[in-house]
Amino acid sequence: MVVAVVEAYDRLARRVLAGPARLGRTRLVAVDGPSGAGKSVFAARLADALAGLPGGVRPPVVHTDDLLDGWDDQLTFWPRLEECVLAPLRAGRPGAYRRYSWVRRAFLSRPVPVPVAPVLLVEGVSAARAAAAADRTLAVFVTAPAPLRLARAVRRDGPEILPELRRWHLGERTHFAADRTEARADVVVDGAPRLPHDADRYYVRRP
């Protein structure tokens, strides 16, 4: 029988800081998983935990949705992330990227800076892809039942996105199966836990 475990975000934060910096001087943490699983919430709470440690600094968080050139760029955005963020940090320099506006359907002109920091969180579908394993300190995969994920996404973005969302779900399922993302993750998080816990301070990990 598989038993889930409640763990503290600050414990995971200490694990991250104790790990090796593989992206230049930066520890890259990838938070991956399907749409609606709870990746953004998990990344924000881990960032809070890192900031809350003695002498801690809140890490920059890059959301891959901000780098996509629309719905059709689900997995092919990676060169943009590499050129604008990962390569500069690998060389010890700050990065910057232009955020995509899903309302205007265009990239905004003002760059978003990504400073050289002890930790960088990259959150989004395919953030923990196998091809980038050499740069990572930790890979997290957040998962939840498909009906709940769909309901969360529709509640967040509206029912008009359903046709694109169903196509997106098919693409992410295909990618995760080929990439074996969940099987390779260092931490698998239950994005719809039933165990009672303080969600701001703790998460539920699947063994």
N, C-alpha and C. Protein backbone atom coordinates (compact mmCIF):
# COMPACT_ATOMS: atom_id res chain seq x y z
N MET A 1 0.85 -1.20 0.00
CA MET A 1 0.00 0.00 0.00
C MET A 1 0.88 1.25 0.00
N VAL A 2 0.59 2.20 -0.89
CA VAL A 2 1.34 3.45 -0.98
C VAL A 2 0.76 4.44 0.02
N VAL A 3 1.61 4.96 0.90
CA VAL A 3 1.18 5.88 1.94
C VAL A 3 1.78 7.26 1.68
N ALA A 4 0.92 8.27 1.61
CA ALA A 4 1.40 9.64 1.42
C ALA A 4 1.98 10.17 2.73
N VAL A 5 2.84 11.16 2.62
CA VAL A 5 3.54 11.71 3.77
C VAL A 5 3.39 13.23 3.76
N VAL A 6 3.11 13.81 4.93
CA VAL A 6 3.05 15.25 5.06
C VAL A 6 4.45 15.76 5.40
N GLU A 7 4.94 16.72 4.61
CA GLU A 7 6.28 17.27 4.83
C GLU A 7 6.21 18.79 4.84
N ALA A 8 7.14 19.41 5.52
CA ALA A 8 7.18 20.87 5.66
C ALA A 8 7.90 21.49 4.47
N TYR A 9 7.37 22.63 4.02
CA TYR A 9 8.04 23.35 2.94
C TYR A 9 9.44 23.81 3.37
N ASP A 10 9.59 24.20 4.64
CA ASP A 10 10.91 24.69 5.04
C ASP A 10 11.95 23.56 5.06
N ARG A 11 11.49 22.33 5.28
CA ARG A 11 12.41 21.20 5.19
C ARG A 11 12.88 21.01 3.74
N LEU A 12 11.95 21.14 2.81
CA LEU A 12 12.33 21.03 1.41
C LEU A 12 13.23 22.20 1.01
N ALA A 13 12.94 23.38 1.54
CA ALA A 13 13.79 24.54 1.25
C ALA A 13 15.22 24.29 1.70
N ARG A 14 15.40 23.71 2.87
CA ARG A 14 16.74 23.40 3.35
C ARG A 14 17.41 22.35 2.46
N ARG A 15 16.62 21.41 1.99
CA ARG A 15 17.17 20.39 1.07
C ARG A 15 17.68 21.05 -0.21
N VAL A 16 16.91 22.00 -0.72
CA VAL A 16 17.34 22.71 -1.93
C VAL A 16 18.66 23.43 -1.70
N LEU A 17 18.75 24.17 -0.60
CA LEU A 17 19.96 24.96 -0.33
C LEU A 17 21.16 24.08 -0.03
N ALA A 18 20.91 22.87 0.46
CA ALA A 18 22.01 21.94 0.72
C ALA A 18 22.48 21.24 -0.55
N GLY A 19 21.71 21.35 -1.60
CA GLY A 19 22.06 20.69 -2.86
C GLY A 19 23.07 21.48 -3.65
N PRO A 20 23.64 20.85 -4.68
CA PRO A 20 24.66 21.53 -5.49
C PRO A 20 24.05 22.56 -6.43
N ALA A 21 24.75 23.65 -6.65
CA ALA A 21 24.37 24.64 -7.65
C ALA A 21 24.91 24.18 -8.99
N ARG A 22 24.03 23.85 -9.90
CA ARG A 22 24.44 23.30 -11.20
C ARG A 22 24.21 24.27 -12.36
N LEU A 23 23.48 25.35 -12.10
CA LEU A 23 23.25 26.37 -13.13
C LEU A 23 24.11 27.57 -12.75
N GLY A 24 25.38 27.51 -13.05
CA GLY A 24 26.30 28.53 -12.57
C GLY A 24 26.34 28.48 -11.05
N ARG A 25 26.04 29.59 -10.40
CA ARG A 25 26.00 29.66 -8.93
C ARG A 25 24.59 29.45 -8.40
N THR A 26 23.67 29.05 -9.27
CA THR A 26 22.25 28.98 -8.93
C THR A 26 21.76 27.54 -8.84
N ARG A 27 20.91 27.29 -7.86
CA ARG A 27 20.24 25.98 -7.73
C ARG A 27 18.89 26.07 -8.45
N LEU A 28 18.76 25.34 -9.52
CA LEU A 28 17.53 25.37 -10.31
C LEU A 28 16.56 24.32 -9.79
N VAL A 29 15.37 24.77 -9.43
CA VAL A 29 14.29 23.87 -9.01
C VAL A 29 13.19 23.95 -10.06
N ALA A 30 12.86 22.82 -10.66
CA ALA A 30 11.80 22.76 -11.66
C ALA A 30 10.54 22.19 -11.01
N VAL A 31 9.43 22.89 -11.16
CA VAL A 31 8.14 22.44 -10.64
C VAL A 31 7.26 22.14 -11.84
N ASP A 32 7.06 20.87 -12.11
CA ASP A 32 6.37 20.40 -13.31
C ASP A 32 5.08 19.72 -12.92
N GLY A 33 4.31 19.34 -13.93
CA GLY A 33 3.06 18.64 -13.71
C GLY A 33 1.99 19.14 -14.66
N PRO A 34 0.88 18.44 -14.76
CA PRO A 34 -0.16 18.82 -15.71
C PRO A 34 -0.90 20.08 -15.28
N SER A 35 -1.59 20.68 -16.23
CA SER A 35 -2.36 21.90 -16.00
C SER A 35 -3.39 21.69 -14.90
N GLY A 36 -3.47 22.65 -13.97
CA GLY A 36 -4.46 22.59 -12.91
C GLY A 36 -4.09 21.72 -11.73
N ALA A 37 -2.87 21.18 -11.71
CA ALA A 37 -2.48 20.29 -10.61
C ALA A 37 -2.12 21.05 -9.34
N GLY A 38 -1.72 22.31 -9.47
CA GLY A 38 -1.32 23.09 -8.29
C GLY A 38 0.14 23.49 -8.29
N LYS A 39 0.76 23.53 -9.48
CA LYS A 39 2.19 23.86 -9.58
C LYS A 39 2.50 25.28 -9.11
N SER A 40 1.69 26.24 -9.54
CA SER A 40 1.96 27.64 -9.20
C SER A 40 1.87 27.86 -7.69
N VAL A 41 0.88 27.26 -7.07
CA VAL A 41 0.71 27.39 -5.62
C VAL A 41 1.89 26.75 -4.90
N PHE A 42 2.29 25.57 -5.35
CA PHE A 42 3.42 24.89 -4.72
C PHE A 42 4.68 25.74 -4.85
N ALA A 43 4.95 26.27 -6.04
CA ALA A 43 6.15 27.07 -6.26
C ALA A 43 6.14 28.31 -5.38
N ALA A 44 4.99 28.96 -5.25
CA ALA A 44 4.90 30.17 -4.41
C ALA A 44 5.17 29.84 -2.96
N ARG A 45 4.65 28.72 -2.48
CA ARG A 45 4.85 28.36 -1.07
C ARG A 45 6.29 27.92 -0.81
N LEU A 46 6.91 27.26 -1.78
CA LEU A 46 8.32 26.92 -1.61
C LEU A 46 9.17 28.18 -1.61
N ALA A 47 8.84 29.14 -2.47
CA ALA A 47 9.56 30.42 -2.48
C ALA A 47 9.41 31.13 -1.14
N ASP A 48 8.20 31.10 -0.57
CA ASP A 48 7.99 31.69 0.76
C ASP A 48 8.86 31.00 1.81
N ALA A 49 8.94 29.68 1.73
CA ALA A 49 9.74 28.93 2.71
C ALA A 49 11.22 29.26 2.58
N LEU A 50 11.71 29.40 1.36
CA LEU A 50 13.11 29.77 1.16
C LEU A 50 13.38 31.16 1.70
N ALA A 51 12.44 32.08 1.50
CA ALA A 51 12.60 33.44 2.02
C ALA A 51 12.54 33.47 3.54
N GLY A 52 11.82 32.52 4.13
CA GLY A 52 11.62 32.51 5.58
C GLY A 52 12.74 31.88 6.37
N LEU A 53 13.68 31.22 5.72
CA LEU A 53 14.81 30.63 6.43
C LEU A 53 15.73 31.75 6.95
N PRO A 54 16.49 31.49 8.01
CA PRO A 54 17.43 32.50 8.50
C PRO A 54 18.38 32.96 7.38
N GLY A 55 18.39 34.26 7.14
CA GLY A 55 19.21 34.80 6.06
C GLY A 55 18.69 34.48 4.68
N GLY A 56 17.45 34.00 4.61
CA GLY A 56 16.89 33.56 3.34
C GLY A 56 16.55 34.70 2.40
N VAL A 57 16.55 34.39 1.13
CA VAL A 57 16.20 35.34 0.08
C VAL A 57 15.09 34.72 -0.76
N ARG A 58 14.05 35.49 -1.06
CA ARG A 58 12.98 34.95 -1.91
C ARG A 58 13.53 34.77 -3.31
N PRO A 59 13.45 33.55 -3.85
CA PRO A 59 14.01 33.30 -5.18
C PRO A 59 13.12 33.84 -6.28
N PRO A 60 13.70 34.19 -7.42
CA PRO A 60 12.86 34.50 -8.58
C PRO A 60 12.10 33.26 -9.03
N VAL A 61 10.89 33.47 -9.51
CA VAL A 61 10.05 32.38 -10.03
C VAL A 61 9.70 32.70 -11.47
N VAL A 62 10.08 31.83 -12.38
CA VAL A 62 9.74 31.99 -13.79
C VAL A 62 8.62 31.01 -14.13
N HIS A 63 7.52 31.52 -14.63
CA HIS A 63 6.39 30.68 -15.03
C HIS A 63 6.49 30.45 -16.53
N THR A 64 6.53 29.20 -16.96
CA THR A 64 6.70 28.94 -18.39
C THR A 64 5.54 29.47 -19.22
N ASP A 65 4.35 29.61 -18.62
CA ASP A 65 3.21 30.19 -19.36
C ASP A 65 3.53 31.60 -19.85
N ASP A 66 4.43 32.30 -19.14
CA ASP A 66 4.80 33.66 -19.54
C ASP A 66 5.75 33.68 -20.73
N LEU A 67 6.28 32.51 -21.09
CA LEU A 67 7.24 32.42 -22.19
C LEU A 67 6.64 31.83 -23.45
N LEU A 68 5.42 31.31 -23.36
CA LEU A 68 4.80 30.66 -24.51
C LEU A 68 4.30 31.69 -25.51
N ASP A 69 4.49 31.41 -26.77
CA ASP A 69 3.94 32.26 -27.83
C ASP A 69 2.57 31.71 -28.22
N GLY A 70 1.65 31.72 -27.25
CA GLY A 70 0.30 31.21 -27.48
C GLY A 70 0.17 29.72 -27.22
N TRP A 71 -1.02 29.19 -27.47
CA TRP A 71 -1.34 27.80 -27.17
C TRP A 71 -0.47 26.81 -27.93
N ASP A 72 -0.06 27.14 -29.14
CA ASP A 72 0.67 26.19 -29.97
C ASP A 72 2.14 26.05 -29.56
N ASP A 73 2.57 26.85 -28.61
CA ASP A 73 3.97 26.84 -28.18
C ASP A 73 4.14 26.05 -26.88
N GLN A 74 3.31 25.05 -26.68
CA GLN A 74 3.25 24.32 -25.41
C GLN A 74 4.60 23.76 -24.98
N LEU A 75 5.35 23.18 -25.90
CA LEU A 75 6.61 22.52 -25.56
C LEU A 75 7.80 23.12 -26.28
N THR A 76 7.57 23.93 -27.30
CA THR A 76 8.65 24.41 -28.16
C THR A 76 9.22 25.75 -27.71
N PHE A 77 8.77 26.24 -26.56
CA PHE A 77 9.26 27.52 -26.04
C PHE A 77 10.66 27.42 -25.44
N TRP A 78 11.16 26.21 -25.21
CA TRP A 78 12.36 26.02 -24.40
C TRP A 78 13.58 26.82 -24.88
N PRO A 79 13.84 26.91 -26.18
CA PRO A 79 14.99 27.73 -26.61
C PRO A 79 14.91 29.17 -26.11
N ARG A 80 13.70 29.70 -25.97
CA ARG A 80 13.53 31.05 -25.44
C ARG A 80 13.96 31.13 -23.98
N LEU A 81 13.56 30.12 -23.20
CA LEU A 81 13.98 30.05 -21.80
C LEU A 81 15.49 29.87 -21.70
N GLU A 82 16.04 29.03 -22.54
CA GLU A 82 17.49 28.79 -22.53
C GLU A 82 18.26 30.06 -22.85
N GLU A 83 17.87 30.73 -23.91
CA GLU A 83 18.62 31.91 -24.35
C GLU A 83 18.49 33.08 -23.38
N CYS A 84 17.29 33.30 -22.87
CA CYS A 84 17.04 34.50 -22.08
C CYS A 84 17.33 34.34 -20.59
N VAL A 85 17.22 33.10 -20.08
CA VAL A 85 17.34 32.89 -18.63
C VAL A 85 18.45 31.92 -18.27
N LEU A 86 18.38 30.69 -18.78
CA LEU A 86 19.29 29.66 -18.32
C LEU A 86 20.73 29.92 -18.74
N ALA A 87 20.96 30.26 -19.99
CA ALA A 87 22.33 30.48 -20.46
C ALA A 87 23.02 31.62 -19.72
N PRO A 88 22.36 32.79 -19.54
CA PRO A 88 23.03 33.84 -18.77
C PRO A 88 23.36 33.42 -17.33
N LEU A 89 22.41 32.76 -16.65
CA LEU A 89 22.67 32.35 -15.28
C LEU A 89 23.79 31.31 -15.22
N ARG A 90 23.82 30.45 -16.21
CA ARG A 90 24.88 29.44 -16.27
C ARG A 90 26.26 30.11 -16.35
N ALA A 91 26.28 31.26 -16.99
CA ALA A 91 27.53 32.02 -17.14
C ALA A 91 27.74 33.02 -16.01
N GLY A 92 26.84 33.00 -15.00
CA GLY A 92 27.00 33.90 -13.87
C GLY A 92 26.45 35.29 -14.09
N ARG A 93 25.63 35.47 -15.13
CA ARG A 93 25.07 36.78 -15.45
C ARG A 93 23.56 36.76 -15.24
N PRO A 94 22.95 37.91 -14.92
CA PRO A 94 21.49 37.94 -14.81
C PRO A 94 20.84 37.75 -16.17
N GLY A 95 19.65 37.20 -16.14
CA GLY A 95 18.88 37.02 -17.37
C GLY A 95 17.69 37.96 -17.40
N ALA A 96 16.94 37.91 -18.46
CA ALA A 96 15.71 38.70 -18.60
C ALA A 96 14.90 38.11 -19.74
N TYR A 97 13.58 38.17 -19.61
CA TYR A 97 12.71 37.67 -20.67
C TYR A 97 11.53 38.61 -20.83
N ARG A 98 10.87 38.51 -21.95
CA ARG A 98 9.65 39.28 -22.21
C ARG A 98 8.44 38.39 -21.95
N ARG A 99 7.53 38.90 -21.17
CA ARG A 99 6.34 38.14 -20.78
C ARG A 99 5.29 38.19 -21.89
N TYR A 100 4.71 37.02 -22.16
CA TYR A 100 3.64 36.93 -23.16
C TYR A 100 2.32 37.36 -22.54
N SER A 101 1.59 38.23 -23.24
CA SER A 101 0.25 38.63 -22.81
C SER A 101 -0.78 37.77 -23.52
N TRP A 102 -1.52 36.99 -22.74
CA TRP A 102 -2.55 36.12 -23.33
C TRP A 102 -3.77 36.93 -23.76
N VAL A 103 -3.87 38.17 -23.29
CA VAL A 103 -4.95 39.05 -23.72
C VAL A 103 -4.60 39.70 -25.05
N ARG A 104 -3.39 40.25 -25.14
CA ARG A 104 -2.96 40.92 -26.37
C ARG A 104 -2.45 39.94 -27.42
N ARG A 105 -2.14 38.73 -26.98
CA ARG A 105 -1.57 37.70 -27.86
C ARG A 105 -0.26 38.17 -28.49
N ALA A 106 0.57 38.74 -27.64
CA ALA A 106 1.87 39.24 -28.08
C ALA A 106 2.77 39.36 -26.86
N PHE A 107 4.09 39.37 -27.10
CA PHE A 107 5.04 39.57 -26.02
C PHE A 107 5.11 41.04 -25.67
N LEU A 108 5.13 41.34 -24.38
CA LEU A 108 5.22 42.72 -23.92
C LEU A 108 6.65 43.23 -24.10
N SER A 109 6.78 44.53 -24.25
CA SER A 109 8.10 45.10 -24.56
C SER A 109 9.01 45.17 -23.35
N ARG A 110 8.45 45.35 -22.17
CA ARG A 110 9.27 45.53 -20.98
C ARG A 110 9.85 44.19 -20.52
N PRO A 111 11.17 44.07 -20.38
CA PRO A 111 11.76 42.80 -19.96
C PRO A 111 11.54 42.54 -18.47
N VAL A 112 11.42 41.28 -18.12
CA VAL A 112 11.32 40.85 -16.73
C VAL A 112 12.71 40.36 -16.30
N PRO A 113 13.35 41.03 -15.34
CA PRO A 113 14.70 40.63 -14.95
C PRO A 113 14.70 39.33 -14.14
N VAL A 114 15.74 38.54 -14.33
CA VAL A 114 15.96 37.34 -13.53
C VAL A 114 17.36 37.44 -12.94
N PRO A 115 17.48 37.83 -11.68
CA PRO A 115 18.80 38.05 -11.10
C PRO A 115 19.53 36.75 -10.82
N VAL A 116 20.84 36.85 -10.70
CA VAL A 116 21.62 35.72 -10.21
C VAL A 116 21.29 35.56 -8.73
N ALA A 117 20.79 34.42 -8.34
CA ALA A 117 20.34 34.18 -6.97
C ALA A 117 20.72 32.77 -6.55
N PRO A 118 20.71 32.48 -5.26
CA PRO A 118 21.03 31.12 -4.83
C PRO A 118 20.09 30.06 -5.40
N VAL A 119 18.82 30.45 -5.63
CA VAL A 119 17.81 29.51 -6.14
C VAL A 119 16.99 30.19 -7.23
N LEU A 120 16.65 29.44 -8.25
CA LEU A 120 15.68 29.86 -9.26
C LEU A 120 14.61 28.78 -9.36
N LEU A 121 13.34 29.19 -9.28
CA LEU A 121 12.23 28.27 -9.49
C LEU A 121 11.69 28.48 -10.90
N VAL A 122 11.59 27.40 -11.66
CA VAL A 122 10.93 27.43 -12.97
C VAL A 122 9.71 26.53 -12.87
N GLU A 123 8.54 27.11 -13.09
CA GLU A 123 7.28 26.40 -12.88
C GLU A 123 6.51 26.32 -14.17
N GLY A 124 6.03 25.12 -14.51
CA GLY A 124 5.17 24.98 -15.68
C GLY A 124 5.33 23.63 -16.34
N VAL A 125 4.43 23.36 -17.27
CA VAL A 125 4.46 22.09 -17.99
C VAL A 125 5.77 21.95 -18.76
N SER A 126 6.46 20.87 -18.52
CA SER A 126 7.74 20.48 -19.12
C SER A 126 8.94 21.16 -18.48
N ALA A 127 8.74 21.88 -17.34
CA ALA A 127 9.86 22.54 -16.67
C ALA A 127 10.92 21.54 -16.22
N ALA A 128 10.52 20.31 -15.92
CA ALA A 128 11.47 19.29 -15.46
C ALA A 128 11.80 18.29 -16.56
N ARG A 129 11.75 18.74 -17.80
CA ARG A 129 12.03 17.84 -18.92
C ARG A 129 13.43 17.23 -18.80
N ALA A 130 13.58 16.02 -19.31
CA ALA A 130 14.83 15.26 -19.17
C ALA A 130 16.00 15.99 -19.79
N ALA A 131 15.78 16.71 -20.87
CA ALA A 131 16.87 17.35 -21.59
C ALA A 131 17.61 18.39 -20.76
N ALA A 132 16.98 18.90 -19.70
CA ALA A 132 17.61 19.94 -18.87
C ALA A 132 18.08 19.42 -17.53
N ALA A 133 18.19 18.11 -17.39
CA ALA A 133 18.51 17.52 -16.09
C ALA A 133 19.86 17.97 -15.55
N ALA A 134 20.83 18.22 -16.41
CA ALA A 134 22.17 18.57 -15.95
C ALA A 134 22.20 19.88 -15.18
N ASP A 135 21.26 20.77 -15.43
CA ASP A 135 21.23 22.08 -14.77
C ASP A 135 20.48 22.07 -13.45
N ARG A 136 19.73 21.03 -13.16
CA ARG A 136 18.79 21.05 -12.04
C ARG A 136 19.39 20.55 -10.74
N THR A 137 18.95 21.18 -9.66
CA THR A 137 19.21 20.68 -8.32
C THR A 137 18.07 19.80 -7.84
N LEU A 138 16.84 20.13 -8.22
CA LEU A 138 15.68 19.38 -7.76
C LEU A 138 14.57 19.45 -8.80
N ALA A 139 13.91 18.31 -9.02
CA ALA A 139 12.75 18.24 -9.92
C ALA A 139 11.54 17.82 -9.11
N VAL A 140 10.48 18.62 -9.19
CA VAL A 140 9.23 18.36 -8.48
C VAL A 140 8.14 18.12 -9.51
N PHE A 141 7.30 17.12 -9.26
CA PHE A 141 6.16 16.84 -10.13
C PHE A 141 4.90 16.90 -9.28
N VAL A 142 3.97 17.80 -9.64
CA VAL A 142 2.71 17.96 -8.91
C VAL A 142 1.60 17.34 -9.74
N THR A 143 0.79 16.51 -9.12
CA THR A 143 -0.25 15.81 -9.85
C THR A 143 -1.58 15.87 -9.10
N ALA A 144 -2.67 15.65 -9.82
CA ALA A 144 -4.02 15.65 -9.25
C ALA A 144 -4.93 14.94 -10.25
N PRO A 145 -6.10 14.47 -9.81
CA PRO A 145 -7.02 13.79 -10.72
C PRO A 145 -7.44 14.69 -11.89
N ALA A 146 -7.59 14.09 -13.06
CA ALA A 146 -7.90 14.86 -14.27
C ALA A 146 -9.19 15.67 -14.16
N PRO A 147 -10.30 15.12 -13.64
CA PRO A 147 -11.53 15.93 -13.57
C PRO A 147 -11.35 17.17 -12.69
N LEU A 148 -10.62 17.04 -11.61
CA LEU A 148 -10.38 18.18 -10.73
C LEU A 148 -9.49 19.21 -11.42
N ARG A 149 -8.49 18.76 -12.13
CA ARG A 149 -7.60 19.68 -12.83
C ARG A 149 -8.36 20.48 -13.90
N LEU A 150 -9.23 19.78 -14.61
CA LEU A 150 -10.03 20.45 -15.63
C LEU A 150 -10.93 21.50 -15.00
N ALA A 151 -11.58 21.14 -13.90
CA ALA A 151 -12.49 22.06 -13.22
C ALA A 151 -11.73 23.29 -12.71
N ARG A 152 -10.55 23.08 -12.17
CA ARG A 152 -9.74 24.21 -11.68
C ARG A 152 -9.38 25.16 -12.82
N ALA A 153 -8.97 24.59 -13.94
CA ALA A 153 -8.55 25.42 -15.07
C ALA A 153 -9.71 26.22 -15.63
N VAL A 154 -10.88 25.60 -15.73
CA VAL A 154 -12.06 26.30 -16.25
C VAL A 154 -12.50 27.39 -15.28
N ARG A 155 -12.43 27.10 -13.99
CA ARG A 155 -12.80 28.09 -12.98
C ARG A 155 -11.84 29.28 -13.03
N ARG A 156 -10.57 29.01 -13.30
CA ARG A 156 -9.56 30.07 -13.33
C ARG A 156 -9.64 30.90 -14.61
N ASP A 157 -9.83 30.24 -15.76
CA ASP A 157 -9.70 30.93 -17.05
C ASP A 157 -10.99 31.04 -17.85
N GLY A 158 -12.06 30.37 -17.40
CA GLY A 158 -13.34 30.47 -18.09
C GLY A 158 -13.59 29.32 -19.06
N PRO A 159 -14.86 28.99 -19.30
CA PRO A 159 -15.22 27.84 -20.14
C PRO A 159 -14.86 28.02 -21.61
N GLU A 160 -14.62 29.26 -22.04
CA GLU A 160 -14.30 29.49 -23.45
C GLU A 160 -12.97 28.87 -23.86
N ILE A 161 -12.12 28.51 -22.89
CA ILE A 161 -10.82 27.92 -23.22
C ILE A 161 -10.89 26.40 -23.39
N LEU A 162 -12.07 25.81 -23.19
CA LEU A 162 -12.17 24.35 -23.20
C LEU A 162 -11.60 23.69 -24.45
N PRO A 163 -11.90 24.15 -25.66
CA PRO A 163 -11.33 23.47 -26.84
C PRO A 163 -9.80 23.47 -26.83
N GLU A 164 -9.20 24.62 -26.52
CA GLU A 164 -7.74 24.69 -26.46
C GLU A 164 -7.21 23.87 -25.29
N LEU A 165 -7.94 23.88 -24.19
CA LEU A 165 -7.48 23.17 -22.99
C LEU A 165 -7.47 21.66 -23.22
N ARG A 166 -8.47 21.14 -23.91
CA ARG A 166 -8.49 19.70 -24.17
C ARG A 166 -7.32 19.31 -25.08
N ARG A 167 -7.00 20.14 -26.04
CA ARG A 167 -5.84 19.88 -26.90
C ARG A 167 -4.54 19.97 -26.09
N TRP A 168 -4.49 20.93 -25.19
CA TRP A 168 -3.33 21.10 -24.31
C TRP A 168 -3.13 19.85 -23.45
N HIS A 169 -4.22 19.33 -22.87
CA HIS A 169 -4.12 18.15 -22.01
C HIS A 169 -3.60 16.95 -22.78
N LEU A 170 -4.03 16.80 -24.02
CA LEU A 170 -3.53 15.70 -24.84
C LEU A 170 -2.03 15.86 -25.06
N GLY A 171 -1.59 17.08 -25.34
CA GLY A 171 -0.17 17.32 -25.56
C GLY A 171 0.66 17.05 -24.34
N GLU A 172 0.19 17.46 -23.17
CA GLU A 172 0.98 17.23 -21.96
C GLU A 172 1.01 15.75 -21.59
N ARG A 173 -0.08 15.02 -21.80
CA ARG A 173 -0.07 13.59 -21.52
C ARG A 173 0.95 12.88 -22.40
N THR A 174 0.97 13.24 -23.67
CA THR A 174 1.91 12.64 -24.60
C THR A 174 3.35 12.95 -24.19
N HIS A 175 3.59 14.20 -23.82
CA HIS A 175 4.94 14.60 -23.40
C HIS A 175 5.37 13.86 -22.14
N PHE A 176 4.53 13.84 -21.12
CA PHE A 176 4.91 13.21 -19.85
C PHE A 176 5.18 11.72 -20.02
N ALA A 177 4.41 11.06 -20.88
CA ALA A 177 4.63 9.63 -21.12
C ALA A 177 5.97 9.39 -21.79
N ALA A 178 6.30 10.21 -22.78
CA ALA A 178 7.57 10.03 -23.49
C ALA A 178 8.76 10.46 -22.64
N ASP A 179 8.60 11.50 -21.87
CA ASP A 179 9.69 12.07 -21.07
C ASP A 179 9.88 11.33 -19.75
N ARG A 180 8.87 10.60 -19.30
CA ARG A 180 8.89 9.90 -18.00
C ARG A 180 9.16 10.90 -16.86
N THR A 181 8.54 12.04 -16.94
CA THR A 181 8.81 13.13 -16.00
C THR A 181 8.51 12.74 -14.56
N GLU A 182 7.34 12.18 -14.32
CA GLU A 182 6.96 11.83 -12.95
C GLU A 182 7.90 10.78 -12.37
N ALA A 183 8.26 9.79 -13.16
CA ALA A 183 9.13 8.72 -12.66
C ALA A 183 10.52 9.23 -12.31
N ARG A 184 10.97 10.29 -13.00
CA ARG A 184 12.31 10.82 -12.75
C ARG A 184 12.34 11.90 -11.67
N ALA A 185 11.18 12.38 -11.25
CA ALA A 185 11.13 13.50 -10.30
C ALA A 185 11.73 13.11 -8.95
N ASP A 186 12.37 14.08 -8.32
CA ASP A 186 12.91 13.87 -6.97
C ASP A 186 11.81 13.87 -5.93
N VAL A 187 10.76 14.66 -6.18
CA VAL A 187 9.63 14.78 -5.26
C VAL A 187 8.36 14.77 -6.07
N VAL A 188 7.41 13.89 -5.72
CA VAL A 188 6.09 13.87 -6.35
C VAL A 188 5.08 14.36 -5.33
N VAL A 189 4.35 15.41 -5.68
CA VAL A 189 3.45 16.09 -4.75
C VAL A 189 2.01 15.78 -5.11
N ASP A 190 1.20 15.50 -4.10
CA ASP A 190 -0.23 15.30 -4.28
C ASP A 190 -0.90 16.67 -4.31
N GLY A 191 -1.38 17.07 -5.46
CA GLY A 191 -2.01 18.37 -5.61
C GLY A 191 -3.46 18.41 -5.18
N ALA A 192 -3.99 17.28 -4.71
CA ALA A 192 -5.37 17.22 -4.21
C ALA A 192 -5.40 16.33 -2.97
N PRO A 193 -4.64 16.69 -1.95
CA PRO A 193 -4.48 15.79 -0.79
C PRO A 193 -5.73 15.73 0.08
N ARG A 194 -5.92 14.56 0.68
CA ARG A 194 -7.02 14.39 1.64
C ARG A 194 -6.51 14.38 3.08
N LEU A 195 -5.21 14.22 3.24
CA LEU A 195 -4.66 14.24 4.58
C LEU A 195 -4.79 15.63 5.19
N PRO A 196 -5.24 15.74 6.42
CA PRO A 196 -5.35 17.06 7.05
C PRO A 196 -3.96 17.65 7.30
N HIS A 197 -3.77 18.93 6.93
CA HIS A 197 -2.49 19.59 7.14
C HIS A 197 -2.66 21.09 6.93
N ASP A 198 -1.71 21.85 7.42
CA ASP A 198 -1.66 23.29 7.20
C ASP A 198 -1.04 23.52 5.82
N ALA A 199 -1.87 23.83 4.82
CA ALA A 199 -1.41 23.88 3.44
C ALA A 199 -0.39 24.98 3.18
N ASP A 200 -0.37 26.02 4.01
CA ASP A 200 0.60 27.08 3.81
C ASP A 200 2.02 26.66 4.22
N ARG A 201 2.10 25.70 5.13
CA ARG A 201 3.41 25.31 5.68
C ARG A 201 3.82 23.89 5.28
N TYR A 202 2.86 23.08 4.87
CA TYR A 202 3.14 21.68 4.58
C TYR A 202 2.55 21.29 3.21
N TYR A 203 3.13 20.28 2.62
CA TYR A 203 2.58 19.68 1.40
C TYR A 203 2.53 18.18 1.61
N VAL A 204 1.80 17.49 0.75
CA VAL A 204 1.67 16.04 0.86
C VAL A 204 2.48 15.41 -0.27
N ARG A 205 3.44 14.61 0.11
CA ARG A 205 4.33 13.95 -0.84
C ARG A 205 3.90 12.51 -1.05
N ARG A 206 3.93 12.10 -2.29
CA ARG A 206 3.68 10.69 -2.62
C ARG A 206 5.01 9.94 -2.60
N PRO A 207 5.05 8.80 -1.94
CA PRO A 207 6.32 8.04 -1.85
C PRO A 207 6.81 7.60 -3.23
